[in-house]
Amino acid sequence: MSRQDRAKQFLPFGALKGYPEALRREEKRTRPRAELPEDRQEELDRELRQLQAGEQITVVYYCRGEYRKMTGTAAKTDRESRILQVEETGIPFADLYFIQREGGDEPEEC
């Protein structure tokens, strides 16, 4: 057996053709957290103060490198630990981007 043929035995075997390329395409692309202007922070703070448990709301928040939009019932606002509870999800105040009460305006793009 020639040296070249022997070397081919030890080449990596790709059982799933195209799989590495598919994985690269599906890799999660993270986005940096947007820095909110002071007026937007004040608006969010005002919304949090007015929010009542049981209200139907839509929130846009930052989580694990992406912005997520969630609609649900506000369970509680814990000012001490600075967490907004929507359904079963606890969202830190620092991660909030937008809060919309039922019948409010749609959020701008993140």
PDB file of N, CA and C in Angstrom:
ATOM      1  N   MET A   1       0.858  -1.174   0.000  1.00  0.00           N
ATOM      2  CA  MET A   1       0.000   0.000   0.000  1.00  0.00           C
ATOM      3  C   MET A   1       0.906   1.240   0.000  1.00  0.00           C
ATOM      4  N   SER A   2       0.531   2.187  -0.835  1.00  0.00           N
ATOM      5  CA  SER A   2       1.349   3.396  -0.923  1.00  0.00           C
ATOM      6  C   SER A   2       1.186   4.242   0.337  1.00  0.00           C
ATOM      7  N   ARG A   3       2.118   5.120   0.537  1.00  0.00           N
ATOM      8  CA  ARG A   3       2.071   6.008   1.705  1.00  0.00           C
ATOM      9  C   ARG A   3       0.820   6.882   1.694  1.00  0.00           C
ATOM     10  N   GLN A   4       0.465   7.364   0.528  1.00  0.00           N
ATOM     11  CA  GLN A   4      -0.711   8.240   0.405  1.00  0.00           C
ATOM     12  C   GLN A   4      -1.987   7.478   0.751  1.00  0.00           C
ATOM     13  N   ASP A   5      -2.123   6.258   0.305  1.00  0.00           N
ATOM     14  CA  ASP A   5      -3.303   5.449   0.619  1.00  0.00           C
ATOM     15  C   ASP A   5      -3.369   5.134   2.116  1.00  0.00           C
ATOM     16  N   ARG A   6      -2.213   4.872   2.698  1.00  0.00           N
ATOM     17  CA  ARG A   6      -2.188   4.602   4.131  1.00  0.00           C
ATOM     18  C   ARG A   6      -2.618   5.843   4.916  1.00  0.00           C
ATOM     19  N   ALA A   7      -2.199   7.010   4.476  1.00  0.00           N
ATOM     20  CA  ALA A   7      -2.539   8.253   5.178  1.00  0.00           C
ATOM     21  C   ALA A   7      -4.040   8.522   5.117  1.00  0.00           C
ATOM     22  N   LYS A   8      -4.701   8.124   4.037  1.00  0.00           N
ATOM     23  CA  LYS A   8      -6.149   8.351   3.908  1.00  0.00           C
ATOM     24  C   LYS A   8      -6.937   7.619   4.980  1.00  0.00           C
ATOM     25  N   GLN A   9      -6.395   6.551   5.509  1.00  0.00           N
ATOM     26  CA  GLN A   9      -7.082   5.794   6.557  1.00  0.00           C
ATOM     27  C   GLN A   9      -7.306   6.629   7.812  1.00  0.00           C
ATOM     28  N   PHE A  10      -6.424   7.575   8.018  1.00  0.00           N
ATOM     29  CA  PHE A  10      -6.457   8.339   9.255  1.00  0.00           C
ATOM     30  C   PHE A  10      -7.109   9.721   9.107  1.00  0.00           C
ATOM     31  N   LEU A  11      -7.675   9.997   7.949  1.00  0.00           N
ATOM     32  CA  LEU A  11      -8.386  11.257   7.761  1.00  0.00           C
ATOM     33  C   LEU A  11      -9.677  11.242   8.568  1.00  0.00           C
ATOM     34  N   PRO A  12     -10.137  12.394   9.041  1.00  0.00           N
ATOM     35  CA  PRO A  12     -11.394  12.425   9.796  1.00  0.00           C
ATOM     36  C   PRO A  12     -12.546  11.956   8.909  1.00  0.00           C
ATOM     37  N   PHE A  13     -13.447  11.231   9.533  1.00  0.00           N
ATOM     38  CA  PHE A  13     -14.590  10.694   8.805  1.00  0.00           C
ATOM     39  C   PHE A  13     -15.816  11.558   9.095  1.00  0.00           C
ATOM     40  N   GLY A  14     -16.440  12.085   8.052  1.00  0.00           N
ATOM     41  CA  GLY A  14     -17.650  12.894   8.203  1.00  0.00           C
ATOM     42  C   GLY A  14     -18.870  12.070   7.820  1.00  0.00           C
ATOM     43  N   ALA A  15     -19.468  11.395   8.798  1.00  0.00           N
ATOM     44  CA  ALA A  15     -20.612  10.525   8.515  1.00  0.00           C
ATOM     45  C   ALA A  15     -21.815  11.309   8.009  1.00  0.00           C
ATOM     46  N   LEU A  16     -21.975  12.510   8.501  1.00  0.00           N
ATOM     47  CA  LEU A  16     -23.108  13.336   8.079  1.00  0.00           C
ATOM     48  C   LEU A  16     -22.587  14.450   7.191  1.00  0.00           C
ATOM     49  N   LYS A  17     -22.690  14.245   5.917  1.00  0.00           N
ATOM     50  CA  LYS A  17     -22.168  15.222   4.966  1.00  0.00           C
ATOM     51  C   LYS A  17     -22.932  16.546   5.097  1.00  0.00           C
ATOM     52  N   GLY A  18     -22.202  17.635   5.257  1.00  0.00           N
ATOM     53  CA  GLY A  18     -22.814  18.955   5.375  1.00  0.00           C
ATOM     54  C   GLY A  18     -23.218  19.330   6.793  1.00  0.00           C
ATOM     55  N   TYR A  19     -23.073  18.417   7.729  1.00  0.00           N
ATOM     56  CA  TYR A  19     -23.488  18.699   9.102  1.00  0.00           C
ATOM     57  C   TYR A  19     -22.709  19.849   9.740  1.00  0.00           C
ATOM     58  N   PRO A  20     -21.385  19.888   9.624  1.00  0.00           N
ATOM     59  CA  PRO A  20     -20.653  21.018  10.224  1.00  0.00           C
ATOM     60  C   PRO A  20     -21.090  22.367   9.651  1.00  0.00           C
ATOM     61  N   GLU A  21     -21.374  22.427   8.357  1.00  0.00           N
ATOM     62  CA  GLU A  21     -21.831  23.683   7.748  1.00  0.00           C
ATOM     63  C   GLU A  21     -23.210  24.066   8.272  1.00  0.00           C
ATOM     64  N   ALA A  22     -24.082  23.073   8.430  1.00  0.00           N
ATOM     65  CA  ALA A  22     -25.421  23.345   8.967  1.00  0.00           C
ATOM     66  C   ALA A  22     -25.331  23.871  10.393  1.00  0.00           C
ATOM     67  N   LEU A  23     -24.440  23.317  11.179  1.00  0.00           N
ATOM     68  CA  LEU A  23     -24.259  23.805  12.548  1.00  0.00           C
ATOM     69  C   LEU A  23     -23.779  25.247  12.567  1.00  0.00           C
ATOM     70  N   ARG A  24     -22.852  25.569  11.699  1.00  0.00           N
ATOM     71  CA  ARG A  24     -22.350  26.950  11.636  1.00  0.00           C
ATOM     72  C   ARG A  24     -23.469  27.916  11.258  1.00  0.00           C
ATOM     73  N   ARG A  25     -24.354  27.507  10.358  1.00  0.00           N
ATOM     74  CA  ARG A  25     -25.464  28.382   9.959  1.00  0.00           C
ATOM     75  C   ARG A  25     -26.444  28.596  11.105  1.00  0.00           C
ATOM     76  N   GLU A  26     -26.609  27.575  11.932  1.00  0.00           N
ATOM     77  CA  GLU A  26     -27.574  27.644  13.022  1.00  0.00           C
ATOM     78  C   GLU A  26     -27.014  28.224  14.317  1.00  0.00           C
ATOM     79  N   GLU A  27     -25.719  28.530  14.332  1.00  0.00           N
ATOM     80  CA  GLU A  27     -25.130  29.100  15.536  1.00  0.00           C
ATOM     81  C   GLU A  27     -25.877  30.353  15.950  1.00  0.00           C
ATOM     82  N   LYS A  28     -26.066  30.482  17.211  1.00  0.00           N
ATOM     83  CA  LYS A  28     -26.785  31.633  17.734  1.00  0.00           C
ATOM     84  C   LYS A  28     -25.908  32.876  17.645  1.00  0.00           C
ATOM     85  N   ARG A  29     -26.434  33.883  17.062  1.00  0.00           N
ATOM     86  CA  ARG A  29     -25.716  35.154  16.981  1.00  0.00           C
ATOM     87  C   ARG A  29     -26.233  36.054  18.102  1.00  0.00           C
ATOM     88  N   THR A  30     -25.336  36.396  18.993  1.00  0.00           N
ATOM     89  CA  THR A  30     -25.751  37.220  20.123  1.00  0.00           C
ATOM     90  C   THR A  30     -25.705  38.697  19.748  1.00  0.00           C
ATOM     91  N   ARG A  31     -26.549  39.454  20.434  1.00  0.00           N
ATOM     92  CA  ARG A  31     -26.590  40.904  20.258  1.00  0.00           C
ATOM     93  C   ARG A  31     -26.208  41.544  21.576  1.00  0.00           C
ATOM     94  N   PRO A  32     -25.488  42.628  21.511  1.00  0.00           N
ATOM     95  CA  PRO A  32     -25.178  43.325  22.766  1.00  0.00           C
ATOM     96  C   PRO A  32     -26.441  44.001  23.313  1.00  0.00           C
ATOM     97  N   ARG A  33     -26.476  44.166  24.609  1.00  0.00           N
ATOM     98  CA  ARG A  33     -27.614  44.832  25.246  1.00  0.00           C
ATOM     99  C   ARG A  33     -27.612  46.308  24.852  1.00  0.00           C
ATOM    100  N   ALA A  34     -28.761  46.814  24.454  1.00  0.00           N
ATOM    101  CA  ALA A  34     -28.892  48.221  24.060  1.00  0.00           C
ATOM    102  C   ALA A  34     -28.819  49.102  25.307  1.00  0.00           C
ATOM    103  N   GLU A  35     -28.093  50.180  25.199  1.00  0.00           N
ATOM    104  CA  GLU A  35     -27.997  51.147  26.291  1.00  0.00           C
ATOM    105  C   GLU A  35     -29.206  52.074  26.194  1.00  0.00           C
ATOM    106  N   LEU A  36     -30.046  52.053  27.221  1.00  0.00           N
ATOM    107  CA  LEU A  36     -31.268  52.853  27.195  1.00  0.00           C
ATOM    108  C   LEU A  36     -30.983  54.297  27.575  1.00  0.00           C
ATOM    109  N   PRO A  37     -31.568  55.241  26.825  1.00  0.00           N
ATOM    110  CA  PRO A  37     -31.436  56.650  27.210  1.00  0.00           C
ATOM    111  C   PRO A  37     -32.149  56.896  28.546  1.00  0.00           C
ATOM    112  N   GLU A  38     -31.761  57.959  29.220  1.00  0.00           N
ATOM    113  CA  GLU A  38     -32.308  58.248  30.543  1.00  0.00           C
ATOM    114  C   GLU A  38     -33.832  58.432  30.515  1.00  0.00           C
ATOM    115  N   ASP A  39     -34.365  59.087  29.475  1.00  0.00           N
ATOM    116  CA  ASP A  39     -35.815  59.285  29.409  1.00  0.00           C
ATOM    117  C   ASP A  39     -36.545  57.951  29.259  1.00  0.00           C
ATOM    118  N   ARG A  40     -35.954  56.995  28.541  1.00  0.00           N
ATOM    119  CA  ARG A  40     -36.561  55.668  28.378  1.00  0.00           C
ATOM    120  C   ARG A  40     -36.539  54.907  29.704  1.00  0.00           C
ATOM    121  N   GLN A  41     -35.437  55.081  30.471  1.00  0.00           N
ATOM    122  CA  GLN A  41     -35.346  54.437  31.779  1.00  0.00           C
ATOM    123  C   GLN A  41     -36.412  54.998  32.727  1.00  0.00           C
ATOM    124  N   GLU A  42     -36.625  56.290  32.680  1.00  0.00           N
ATOM    125  CA  GLU A  42     -37.645  56.912  33.518  1.00  0.00           C
ATOM    126  C   GLU A  42     -39.037  56.432  33.128  1.00  0.00           C
ATOM    127  N   GLU A  43     -39.270  56.270  31.835  1.00  0.00           N
ATOM    128  CA  GLU A  43     -40.560  55.772  31.348  1.00  0.00           C
ATOM    129  C   GLU A  43     -40.814  54.341  31.847  1.00  0.00           C
ATOM    130  N   LEU A  44     -39.786  53.494  31.778  1.00  0.00           N
ATOM    131  CA  LEU A  44     -39.910  52.123  32.278  1.00  0.00           C
ATOM    132  C   LEU A  44     -40.180  52.118  33.782  1.00  0.00           C
ATOM    133  N   ASP A  45     -39.495  52.974  34.512  1.00  0.00           N
ATOM    134  CA  ASP A  45     -39.689  53.064  35.952  1.00  0.00           C
ATOM    135  C   ASP A  45     -41.123  53.491  36.281  1.00  0.00           C
ATOM    136  N   ARG A  46     -41.636  54.450  35.525  1.00  0.00           N
ATOM    137  CA  ARG A  46     -43.011  54.913  35.724  1.00  0.00           C
ATOM    138  C   ARG A  46     -44.006  53.780  35.449  1.00  0.00           C
ATOM    139  N   GLU A  47     -43.775  53.026  34.368  1.00  0.00           N
ATOM    140  CA  GLU A  47     -44.651  51.896  34.032  1.00  0.00           C
ATOM    141  C   GLU A  47     -44.620  50.840  35.135  1.00  0.00           C
ATOM    142  N   LEU A  48     -43.432  50.564  35.667  1.00  0.00           N
ATOM    143  CA  LEU A  48     -43.319  49.569  36.729  1.00  0.00           C
ATOM    144  C   LEU A  48     -44.058  49.993  37.991  1.00  0.00           C
ATOM    145  N   ARG A  49     -43.994  51.296  38.307  1.00  0.00           N
ATOM    146  CA  ARG A  49     -44.697  51.788  39.496  1.00  0.00           C
ATOM    147  C   ARG A  49     -46.209  51.702  39.341  1.00  0.00           C
ATOM    148  N   GLN A  50     -46.719  51.891  38.130  1.00  0.00           N
ATOM    149  CA  GLN A  50     -48.158  51.882  37.882  1.00  0.00           C
ATOM    150  C   GLN A  50     -48.717  50.476  37.652  1.00  0.00           C
ATOM    151  N   LEU A  51     -47.850  49.530  37.419  1.00  0.00           N
ATOM    152  CA  LEU A  51     -48.260  48.173  37.085  1.00  0.00           C
ATOM    153  C   LEU A  51     -48.936  47.481  38.262  1.00  0.00           C
ATOM    154  N   GLN A  52     -50.068  46.850  37.999  1.00  0.00           N
ATOM    155  CA  GLN A  52     -50.811  46.118  39.020  1.00  0.00           C
ATOM    156  C   GLN A  52     -50.760  44.624  38.713  1.00  0.00           C
ATOM    157  N   ALA A  53     -50.704  43.815  39.747  1.00  0.00           N
ATOM    158  CA  ALA A  53     -50.732  42.362  39.567  1.00  0.00           C
ATOM    159  C   ALA A  53     -52.039  41.972  38.885  1.00  0.00           C
ATOM    160  N   GLY A  54     -51.960  41.072  37.936  1.00  0.00           N
ATOM    161  CA  GLY A  54     -53.147  40.613  37.211  1.00  0.00           C
ATOM    162  C   GLY A  54     -53.365  41.317  35.890  1.00  0.00           C
ATOM    163  N   GLU A  55     -52.610  42.376  35.608  1.00  0.00           N
ATOM    164  CA  GLU A  55     -52.746  43.090  34.323  1.00  0.00           C
ATOM    165  C   GLU A  55     -52.113  42.273  33.195  1.00  0.00           C
ATOM    166  N   GLN A  56     -52.719  42.348  32.034  1.00  0.00           N
ATOM    167  CA  GLN A  56     -52.166  41.711  30.842  1.00  0.00           C
ATOM    168  C   GLN A  56     -51.151  42.674  30.226  1.00  0.00           C
ATOM    169  N   ILE A  57     -49.905  42.208  30.072  1.00  0.00           N
ATOM    170  CA  ILE A  57     -48.852  43.072  29.548  1.00  0.00           C
ATOM    171  C   ILE A  57     -48.020  42.334  28.502  1.00  0.00           C
ATOM    172  N   THR A  58     -47.308  43.130  27.714  1.00  0.00           N
ATOM    173  CA  THR A  58     -46.301  42.620  26.796  1.00  0.00           C
ATOM    174  C   THR A  58     -44.990  43.277  27.179  1.00  0.00           C
ATOM    175  N   VAL A  59     -43.961  42.469  27.341  1.00  0.00           N
ATOM    176  CA  VAL A  59     -42.645  42.997  27.685  1.00  0.00           C
ATOM    177  C   VAL A  59     -41.626  42.553  26.642  1.00  0.00           C
ATOM    178  N   VAL A  60     -40.663  43.424  26.402  1.00  0.00           N
ATOM    179  CA  VAL A  60     -39.499  43.083  25.591  1.00  0.00           C
ATOM    180  C   VAL A  60     -38.323  43.179  26.548  1.00  0.00           C
ATOM    181  N   TYR A  61     -37.551  42.100  26.621  1.00  0.00           N
ATOM    182  CA  TYR A  61     -36.444  42.063  27.572  1.00  0.00           C
ATOM    183  C   TYR A  61     -35.248  41.330  26.978  1.00  0.00           C
ATOM    184  N   TYR A  62     -34.088  41.582  27.555  1.00  0.00           N
ATOM    185  CA  TYR A  62     -32.837  41.001  27.104  1.00  0.00           C
ATOM    186  C   TYR A  62     -32.556  39.739  27.897  1.00  0.00           C
ATOM    187  N   CYS A  63     -32.270  38.645  27.185  1.00  0.00           N
ATOM    188  CA  CYS A  63     -31.987  37.381  27.863  1.00  0.00           C
ATOM    189  C   CYS A  63     -31.028  36.553  27.025  1.00  0.00           C
ATOM    190  N   ARG A  64     -29.888  36.231  27.587  1.00  0.00           N
ATOM    191  CA  ARG A  64     -28.896  35.350  26.955  1.00  0.00           C
ATOM    192  C   ARG A  64     -28.513  35.768  25.536  1.00  0.00           C
ATOM    193  N   GLY A  65     -28.208  37.037  25.380  1.00  0.00           N
ATOM    194  CA  GLY A  65     -27.697  37.516  24.101  1.00  0.00           C
ATOM    195  C   GLY A  65     -28.734  37.843  23.060  1.00  0.00           C
ATOM    196  N   GLU A  66     -30.017  37.882  23.419  1.00  0.00           N
ATOM    197  CA  GLU A  66     -31.060  38.226  22.457  1.00  0.00           C
ATOM    198  C   GLU A  66     -32.211  38.941  23.157  1.00  0.00           C
ATOM    199  N   TYR A  67     -33.004  39.646  22.370  1.00  0.00           N
ATOM    200  CA  TYR A  67     -34.195  40.293  22.898  1.00  0.00           C
ATOM    201  C   TYR A  67     -35.382  39.376  22.677  1.00  0.00           C
ATOM    202  N   ARG A  68     -36.184  39.218  23.718  1.00  0.00           N
ATOM    203  CA  ARG A  68     -37.372  38.361  23.646  1.00  0.00           C
ATOM    204  C   ARG A  68     -38.606  39.185  23.940  1.00  0.00           C
ATOM    205  N   LYS A  69     -39.704  38.795  23.303  1.00  0.00           N
ATOM    206  CA  LYS A  69     -40.981  39.461  23.522  1.00  0.00           C
ATOM    207  C   LYS A  69     -41.927  38.451  24.152  1.00  0.00           C
ATOM    208  N   MET A  70     -42.591  38.865  25.225  1.00  0.00           N
ATOM    209  CA  MET A  70     -43.473  37.962  25.956  1.00  0.00           C
ATOM    210  C   MET A  70     -44.755  38.680  26.335  1.00  0.00           C
ATOM    211  N   THR A  71     -45.867  38.018  26.136  1.00  0.00           N
ATOM    212  CA  THR A  71     -47.162  38.550  26.544  1.00  0.00           C
ATOM    213  C   THR A  71     -47.725  37.624  27.610  1.00  0.00           C
ATOM    214  N   GLY A  72     -48.202  38.225  28.699  1.00  0.00           N
ATOM    215  CA  GLY A  72     -48.744  37.408  29.778  1.00  0.00           C
ATOM    216  C   GLY A  72     -49.312  38.283  30.882  1.00  0.00           C
ATOM    217  N   THR A  73     -49.641  37.642  31.980  1.00  0.00           N
ATOM    218  CA  THR A  73     -50.207  38.335  33.131  1.00  0.00           C
ATOM    219  C   THR A  73     -49.098  38.692  34.105  1.00  0.00           C
ATOM    220  N   ALA A  74     -49.087  39.949  34.512  1.00  0.00           N
ATOM    221  CA  ALA A  74     -48.102  40.394  35.496  1.00  0.00           C
ATOM    222  C   ALA A  74     -48.474  39.784  36.839  1.00  0.00           C
ATOM    223  N   ALA A  75     -47.601  38.958  37.378  1.00  0.00           N
ATOM    224  CA  ALA A  75     -47.876  38.306  38.649  1.00  0.00           C
ATOM    225  C   ALA A  75     -47.531  39.234  39.816  1.00  0.00           C
ATOM    226  N   LYS A  76     -46.310  39.795  39.781  1.00  0.00           N
ATOM    227  CA  LYS A  76     -45.918  40.736  40.832  1.00  0.00           C
ATOM    228  C   LYS A  76     -44.682  41.516  40.402  1.00  0.00           C
ATOM    229  N   THR A  77     -44.474  42.631  41.075  1.00  0.00           N
ATOM    230  CA  THR A  77     -43.290  43.455  40.875  1.00  0.00           C
ATOM    231  C   THR A  77     -42.581  43.531  42.213  1.00  0.00           C
ATOM    232  N   ASP A  78     -41.423  42.901  42.297  1.00  0.00           N
ATOM    233  CA  ASP A  78     -40.653  42.885  43.536  1.00  0.00           C
ATOM    234  C   ASP A  78     -39.602  43.984  43.460  1.00  0.00           C
ATOM    235  N   ARG A  79     -39.892  45.111  44.096  1.00  0.00           N
ATOM    236  CA  ARG A  79     -38.988  46.259  44.033  1.00  0.00           C
ATOM    237  C   ARG A  79     -37.704  46.018  44.821  1.00  0.00           C
ATOM    238  N   GLU A  80     -37.767  45.214  45.853  1.00  0.00           N
ATOM    239  CA  GLU A  80     -36.581  44.961  46.665  1.00  0.00           C
ATOM    240  C   GLU A  80     -35.529  44.165  45.883  1.00  0.00           C
ATOM    241  N   SER A  81     -35.956  43.090  45.233  1.00  0.00           N
ATOM    242  CA  SER A  81     -35.006  42.300  44.440  1.00  0.00           C
ATOM    243  C   SER A  81     -34.982  42.744  42.979  1.00  0.00           C
ATOM    244  N   ARG A  82     -35.791  43.741  42.649  1.00  0.00           N
ATOM    245  CA  ARG A  82     -35.842  44.355  41.309  1.00  0.00           C
ATOM    246  C   ARG A  82     -36.127  43.319  40.215  1.00  0.00           C
ATOM    247  N   ILE A  83     -37.233  42.578  40.412  1.00  0.00           N
ATOM    248  CA  ILE A  83     -37.645  41.560  39.443  1.00  0.00           C
ATOM    249  C   ILE A  83     -39.124  41.720  39.138  1.00  0.00           C
ATOM    250  N   LEU A  84     -39.454  41.679  37.852  1.00  0.00           N
ATOM    251  CA  LEU A  84     -40.843  41.685  37.383  1.00  0.00           C
ATOM    252  C   LEU A  84     -41.209  40.249  37.067  1.00  0.00           C
ATOM    253  N   GLN A  85     -42.265  39.755  37.706  1.00  0.00           N
ATOM    254  CA  GLN A  85     -42.721  38.385  37.478  1.00  0.00           C
ATOM    255  C   GLN A  85     -43.880  38.421  36.486  1.00  0.00           C
ATOM    256  N   VAL A  86     -43.670  37.812  35.291  1.00  0.00           N
ATOM    257  CA  VAL A  86     -44.710  37.702  34.277  1.00  0.00           C
ATOM    258  C   VAL A  86     -44.957  36.217  34.080  1.00  0.00           C
ATOM    259  N   GLU A  87     -46.179  35.780  34.444  1.00  0.00           N
ATOM    260  CA  GLU A  87     -46.504  34.353  34.447  1.00  0.00           C
ATOM    261  C   GLU A  87     -45.472  33.642  35.327  1.00  0.00           C
ATOM    262  N   GLU A  88     -44.693  32.721  34.779  1.00  0.00           N
ATOM    263  CA  GLU A  88     -43.684  31.974  35.540  1.00  0.00           C
ATOM    264  C   GLU A  88     -42.268  32.521  35.345  1.00  0.00           C
ATOM    265  N   THR A  89     -42.133  33.584  34.578  1.00  0.00           N
ATOM    266  CA  THR A  89     -40.818  34.122  34.235  1.00  0.00           C
ATOM    267  C   THR A  89     -40.476  35.340  35.089  1.00  0.00           C
ATOM    268  N   GLY A  90     -39.315  35.292  35.724  1.00  0.00           N
ATOM    269  CA  GLY A  90     -38.820  36.427  36.484  1.00  0.00           C
ATOM    270  C   GLY A  90     -37.855  37.224  35.615  1.00  0.00           C
ATOM    271  N   ILE A  91     -38.132  38.511  35.420  1.00  0.00           N
ATOM    272  CA  ILE A  91     -37.307  39.355  34.556  1.00  0.00           C
ATOM    273  C   ILE A  91     -36.684  40.469  35.395  1.00  0.00           C
ATOM    274  N   PRO A  92     -35.348  40.504  35.478  1.00  0.00           N
ATOM    275  CA  PRO A  92     -34.700  41.592  36.217  1.00  0.00           C
ATOM    276  C   PRO A  92     -35.012  42.954  35.573  1.00  0.00           C
ATOM    277  N   PHE A  93     -35.218  43.946  36.398  1.00  0.00           N
ATOM    278  CA  PHE A  93     -35.501  45.292  35.891  1.00  0.00           C
ATOM    279  C   PHE A  93     -34.440  45.751  34.904  1.00  0.00           C
ATOM    280  N   ALA A  94     -33.174  45.420  35.157  1.00  0.00           N
ATOM    281  CA  ALA A  94     -32.070  45.865  34.304  1.00  0.00           C
ATOM    282  C   ALA A  94     -32.170  45.294  32.887  1.00  0.00           C
ATOM    283  N   ASP A  95     -32.892  44.186  32.717  1.00  0.00           N
ATOM    284  CA  ASP A  95     -33.014  43.556  31.404  1.00  0.00           C
ATOM    285  C   ASP A  95     -34.225  44.045  30.615  1.00  0.00           C
ATOM    286  N   LEU A  96     -35.093  44.830  31.240  1.00  0.00           N
ATOM    287  CA  LEU A  96     -36.298  45.311  30.552  1.00  0.00           C
ATOM    288  C   LEU A  96     -35.948  46.334  29.478  1.00  0.00           C
ATOM    289  N   TYR A  97     -36.625  46.222  28.346  1.00  0.00           N
ATOM    290  CA  TYR A  97     -36.447  47.171  27.252  1.00  0.00           C
ATOM    291  C   TYR A  97     -37.750  47.932  27.007  1.00  0.00           C
ATOM    292  N   PHE A  98     -38.886  47.252  27.185  1.00  0.00           N
ATOM    293  CA  PHE A  98     -40.176  47.859  26.888  1.00  0.00           C
ATOM    294  C   PHE A  98     -41.266  47.146  27.673  1.00  0.00           C
ATOM    295  N   ILE A  99     -42.234  47.905  28.162  1.00  0.00           N
ATOM    296  CA  ILE A  99     -43.427  47.342  28.801  1.00  0.00           C
ATOM    297  C   ILE A  99     -44.640  47.972  28.139  1.00  0.00           C
ATOM    298  N   GLN A 100     -45.580  47.143  27.740  1.00  0.00           N
ATOM    299  CA  GLN A 100     -46.815  47.628  27.118  1.00  0.00           C
ATOM    300  C   GLN A 100     -47.996  47.019  27.855  1.00  0.00           C
ATOM    301  N   ARG A 101     -48.845  47.861  28.363  1.00  0.00           N
ATOM    302  CA  ARG A 101     -50.085  47.367  28.973  1.00  0.00           C
ATOM    303  C   ARG A 101     -51.076  47.092  27.861  1.00  0.00           C
ATOM    304  N   GLU A 102     -52.057  46.308  28.147  1.00  0.00           N
ATOM    305  CA  GLU A 102     -53.077  45.959  27.152  1.00  0.00           C
ATOM    306  C   GLU A 102     -53.649  47.232  26.525  1.00  0.00           C
ATOM    307  N   GLY A 103     -53.612  47.311  25.187  1.00  0.00           N
ATOM    308  CA  GLY A 103     -54.139  48.460  24.464  1.00  0.00           C
ATOM    309  C   GLY A 103     -53.134  49.583  24.261  1.00  0.00           C
ATOM    310  N   GLY A 104     -51.857  49.386  24.621  1.00  0.00           N
ATOM    311  CA  GLY A 104     -50.833  50.411  24.447  1.00  0.00           C
ATOM    312  C   GLY A 104     -50.184  50.369  23.079  1.00  0.00           C
ATOM    313  N   ASP A 105     -49.179  51.218  22.881  1.00  0.00           N
ATOM    314  CA  ASP A 105     -48.454  51.287  21.608  1.00  0.00           C
ATOM    315  C   ASP A 105     -47.480  50.125  21.475  1.00  0.00           C
ATOM    316  N   GLU A 106     -47.219  49.735  20.234  1.00  0.00           N
ATOM    317  CA  GLU A 106     -46.259  48.672  19.937  1.00  0.00           C
ATOM    318  C   GLU A 106     -44.841  49.165  20.210  1.00  0.00           C
ATOM    319  N   PRO A 107     -43.932  48.261  20.610  1.00  0.00           N
ATOM    320  CA  PRO A 107     -42.545  48.674  20.872  1.00  0.00           C
ATOM    321  C   PRO A 107     -41.805  49.005  19.597  1.00  0.00           C
ATOM    322  N   GLU A 108     -40.784  49.866  19.726  1.00  0.00           N
ATOM    323  CA  GLU A 108     -39.891  50.158  18.611  1.00  0.00           C
ATOM    324  C   GLU A 108     -38.949  48.982  18.456  1.00  0.00           C
ATOM    325  N   GLU A 109     -38.190  48.965  17.362  1.00  0.00           N
ATOM    326  CA  GLU A 109     -37.183  47.920  17.155  1.00  0.00           C
ATOM    327  C   GLU A 109     -36.093  48.060  18.199  1.00  0.00           C
ATOM    328  N   CYS A 110     -35.556  46.947  18.639  1.00  0.00           N
ATOM    329  CA  CYS A 110     -34.455  46.945  19.614  1.00  0.00           C
ATOM    330  C   CYS A 110     -33.170  47.328  18.932  1.00  0.00           C
TER     331      CYS A 110
END
